[in-house]
């Protein structure tokens, strides 16, 4: 299918500008990018929610 819509479409635009320089947080000798810090925070949040939320219960046999 030469000239189809899917071949002419470019890659989707990124939600943020990826051409700029990164932003970093400094804690003494520790330096981490804000993007990585957000990913780590989300992972910790999901882990804590997995510990606190109860498992769904199935139907009891009777």
C-alpha atoms as a PDB file:
ATOM      1  CA  UNK A   1       0.000   0.000   0.000  1.00  0.00           C
ATOM      2  CA  UNK A   2       2.213   2.794  -1.216  1.00  0.00           C
ATOM      3  CA  UNK A   3       1.000   6.217  -0.145  1.00  0.00           C
ATOM      4  CA  UNK A   4      -1.318   4.999   2.601  1.00  0.00           C
ATOM      5  CA  UNK A   5      -2.040   7.198   5.588  1.00  0.00           C
ATOM      6  CA  UNK A   6       0.034   5.100   7.952  1.00  0.00           C
ATOM      7  CA  UNK A   7       3.184   5.450   5.877  1.00  0.00           C
ATOM      8  CA  UNK A   8       2.925   9.235   5.641  1.00  0.00           C
ATOM      9  CA  UNK A   9       2.255   9.841   9.320  1.00  0.00           C
ATOM     10  CA  UNK A  10       5.274  10.791  11.399  1.00  0.00           C
ATOM     11  CA  UNK A  11       5.998   9.679  14.953  1.00  0.00           C
ATOM     12  CA  UNK A  12       3.627  10.987  17.622  1.00  0.00           C
ATOM     13  CA  UNK A  13       4.695  14.180  19.366  1.00  0.00           C
ATOM     14  CA  UNK A  14       6.205  13.850  22.841  1.00  0.00           C
ATOM     15  CA  UNK A  15       4.143  15.321  25.699  1.00  0.00           C
ATOM     16  CA  UNK A  16       7.201  17.294  26.867  1.00  0.00           C
ATOM     17  CA  UNK A  17      10.095  18.981  25.077  1.00  0.00           C
ATOM     18  CA  UNK A  18      12.839  16.362  24.876  1.00  0.00           C
ATOM     19  CA  UNK A  19      15.404  18.649  23.236  1.00  0.00           C
ATOM     20  CA  UNK A  20      16.128  20.726  26.342  1.00  0.00           C
ATOM     21  CA  UNK A  21      18.605  20.021  29.099  1.00  0.00           C
ATOM     22  CA  UNK A  22      17.547  17.875  32.028  1.00  0.00           C
ATOM     23  CA  UNK A  23      16.746  19.177  35.483  1.00  0.00           C
ATOM     24  CA  UNK A  24      18.610  17.648  38.401  1.00  0.00           C
ATOM     25  CA  UNK A  25      18.205  17.510  42.173  1.00  0.00           C
ATOM     26  CA  UNK A  26      21.336  17.573  44.352  1.00  0.00           C
ATOM     27  CA  UNK A  27      21.558  16.078  47.872  1.00  0.00           C
ATOM     28  CA  UNK A  28      25.209  16.273  48.856  1.00  0.00           C
ATOM     29  CA  UNK A  29      26.971  13.680  46.717  1.00  0.00           C
ATOM     30  CA  UNK A  30      23.678  12.347  45.308  1.00  0.00           C
ATOM     31  CA  UNK A  31      22.541  13.768  41.987  1.00  0.00           C
ATOM     32  CA  UNK A  32      19.382  12.480  40.280  1.00  0.00           C
ATOM     33  CA  UNK A  33      17.293  13.775  37.416  1.00  0.00           C
ATOM     34  CA  UNK A  34      13.779  14.960  38.181  1.00  0.00           C
ATOM     35  CA  UNK A  35      12.363  12.500  35.638  1.00  0.00           C
ATOM     36  CA  UNK A  36      14.020   9.542  37.360  1.00  0.00           C
ATOM     37  CA  UNK A  37      12.926  10.849  40.769  1.00  0.00           C
ATOM     38  CA  UNK A  38       9.300  10.970  39.572  1.00  0.00           C
ATOM     39  CA  UNK A  39       9.533   7.400  38.238  1.00  0.00           C
ATOM     40  CA  UNK A  40      10.994   6.157  41.538  1.00  0.00           C
ATOM     41  CA  UNK A  41       8.298   7.981  43.526  1.00  0.00           C
ATOM     42  CA  UNK A  42       5.550   6.398  41.394  1.00  0.00           C
ATOM     43  CA  UNK A  43       7.089   2.951  41.848  1.00  0.00           C
ATOM     44  CA  UNK A  44       7.201   3.400  45.628  1.00  0.00           C
ATOM     45  CA  UNK A  45       3.578   4.612  45.605  1.00  0.00           C
ATOM     46  CA  UNK A  46       2.429   1.552  43.638  1.00  0.00           C
ATOM     47  CA  UNK A  47       4.362  -0.719  46.010  1.00  0.00           C
ATOM     48  CA  UNK A  48       2.791   0.872  49.103  1.00  0.00           C
ATOM     49  CA  UNK A  49      -0.685   0.669  47.552  1.00  0.00           C
ATOM     50  CA  UNK A  50      -0.100  -3.012  46.769  1.00  0.00           C
ATOM     51  CA  UNK A  51       0.719  -3.626  50.426  1.00  0.00           C
ATOM     52  CA  UNK A  52      -2.214  -1.654  51.828  1.00  0.00           C
ATOM     53  CA  UNK A  53      -5.072  -2.504  49.470  1.00  0.00           C
ATOM     54  CA  UNK A  54      -6.821  -5.799  50.192  1.00  0.00           C
ATOM     55  CA  UNK A  55      -6.945  -8.607  47.674  1.00  0.00           C
ATOM     56  CA  UNK A  56     -10.342  -9.118  46.054  1.00  0.00           C
ATOM     57  CA  UNK A  57     -12.275 -11.995  47.594  1.00  0.00           C
ATOM     58  CA  UNK A  58     -13.924 -14.598  45.438  1.00  0.00           C
ATOM     59  CA  UNK A  59     -17.315 -16.120  46.070  1.00  0.00           C
ATOM     60  CA  UNK A  60     -17.418 -18.378  49.080  1.00  0.00           C
ATOM     61  CA  UNK A  61     -18.326 -21.980  48.412  1.00  0.00           C
ATOM     62  CA  UNK A  62     -21.170 -23.226  50.490  1.00  0.00           C
END
